[in-house]
Amino acid sequence: MNKNTYYYTLRKRLDCSEEWAKHFLEVEQHRKITKKAATIFFNKHPFMGFLMRIIYLPSNFVGLISDTIWWYRYHKCCKEIEIIKQEIESYE
């Protein structure tokens, strides 16, 4: 792979990674709103909240693991962005 091809491949990957990180944070903002709405609803209806927490306990646990994995991917993507920027600077 010649220098120009590698440079443009890195540029494209950088753009895609930055876009993914931006969209991830947008989705997390929407998820935060949803969680806040659920908390307010469950505070107004404590029995329903207790019942839903018990019924969905396994799903909530899986969701916690999933959230942890997605945040790991986000932080990994941020590190990749830093490394790609360094690689691009070395080509310029």
Protein backbone atom coordinates (compact mmCIF):
# COMPACT_ATOMS: atom_id res chain seq x y z
CA MET A 1 0.00 0.00 0.00
CA ASN A 2 1.49 3.29 -0.99
CA LYS A 3 1.67 6.33 1.21
CA ASN A 4 -1.27 8.21 -0.36
CA THR A 5 -3.62 5.24 -0.17
CA TYR A 6 -2.75 4.63 3.48
CA TYR A 7 -3.15 8.33 4.30
CA TYR A 8 -6.61 8.53 2.75
CA THR A 9 -7.64 5.26 4.38
CA LEU A 10 -6.63 6.71 7.75
CA ARG A 11 -8.55 9.93 7.01
CA LYS A 12 -11.66 7.96 6.14
CA ARG A 13 -11.35 5.82 9.27
CA LEU A 14 -10.85 8.94 11.38
CA ASP A 15 -13.98 10.54 9.94
CA CYS A 16 -16.04 7.38 10.53
CA SER A 17 -14.73 6.94 14.07
CA GLU A 18 -15.43 10.56 15.00
CA GLU A 19 -18.92 10.30 13.56
CA TRP A 20 -19.60 7.06 15.47
CA ALA A 21 -18.41 8.62 18.75
CA LYS A 22 -20.63 11.66 18.17
CA HIS A 23 -23.68 9.51 17.44
CA PHE A 24 -22.97 7.30 20.43
CA LEU A 25 -23.08 10.32 22.75
CA GLU A 26 -26.33 11.48 21.13
CA VAL A 27 -27.92 8.09 21.72
CA GLU A 28 -26.71 8.12 25.32
CA GLN A 29 -28.40 11.49 25.84
CA HIS A 30 -31.68 10.02 24.61
CA ARG A 31 -31.25 6.96 26.83
CA LYS A 32 -30.62 9.28 29.79
CA ILE A 33 -33.93 11.05 29.09
CA THR A 34 -35.73 7.70 28.94
CA LYS A 35 -34.21 6.57 32.24
CA LYS A 36 -35.15 9.87 33.87
CA ALA A 37 -38.76 9.53 32.66
CA ALA A 38 -38.94 5.97 34.02
CA THR A 39 -37.56 7.12 37.39
CA ILE A 40 -40.14 9.90 37.64
CA PHE A 41 -42.93 7.50 36.68
CA PHE A 42 -41.81 4.90 39.22
CA ASN A 43 -41.58 7.56 41.94
CA LYS A 44 -45.22 8.46 41.30
CA HIS A 45 -46.24 4.79 41.20
CA PRO A 46 -43.95 3.01 43.72
CA PHE A 47 -45.71 -0.36 43.62
CA MET A 48 -45.53 -0.46 39.82
CA GLY A 49 -41.88 0.53 39.99
CA PHE A 50 -41.08 -2.20 42.49
CA LEU A 51 -42.97 -4.76 40.43
CA MET A 52 -41.26 -3.77 37.19
CA ARG A 53 -37.83 -3.83 38.80
CA ILE A 54 -38.43 -7.35 40.11
CA ILE A 55 -39.94 -8.66 36.87
CA TYR A 56 -37.21 -7.13 34.69
CA LEU A 57 -34.30 -7.84 37.03
CA PRO A 58 -32.55 -10.28 34.64
CA SER A 59 -33.05 -7.92 31.70
CA ASN A 60 -31.79 -4.98 33.71
CA PHE A 61 -28.68 -6.94 34.66
CA VAL A 62 -28.01 -7.78 31.01
CA GLY A 63 -28.61 -4.12 30.16
CA LEU A 64 -26.01 -3.08 32.73
CA ILE A 65 -23.45 -5.41 31.17
CA SER A 66 -24.40 -4.14 27.70
CA ASP A 67 -23.99 -0.51 28.81
CA THR A 68 -20.56 -1.32 30.21
CA ILE A 69 -19.52 -2.95 26.93
CA TRP A 70 -20.75 0.01 24.84
CA TRP A 71 -18.94 2.52 27.05
CA TYR A 72 -15.78 0.39 26.70
CA ARG A 73 -16.19 0.56 22.92
CA TYR A 74 -16.66 4.33 23.08
CA HIS A 75 -13.50 4.87 25.12
CA LYS A 76 -11.60 2.50 22.84
CA CYS A 77 -12.83 4.49 19.83
CA CYS A 78 -11.62 7.72 21.44
CA LYS A 79 -8.15 6.20 21.90
CA GLU A 80 -8.17 5.01 18.29
CA ILE A 81 -9.04 8.55 17.18
CA GLU A 82 -6.03 9.90 19.08
CA ILE A 83 -3.71 7.29 17.55
CA ILE A 84 -5.04 7.85 14.03
CA LYS A 85 -4.54 11.61 14.40
CA GLN A 86 -0.93 10.99 15.42
CA GLU A 87 -0.43 8.70 12.42
CA ILE A 88 -1.90 11.30 10.08
CA GLU A 89 0.32 14.03 11.54
CA SER A 90 3.36 11.86 10.88
CA TYR A 91 2.38 11.66 7.19
CA GLU A 92 1.85 15.39 6.78
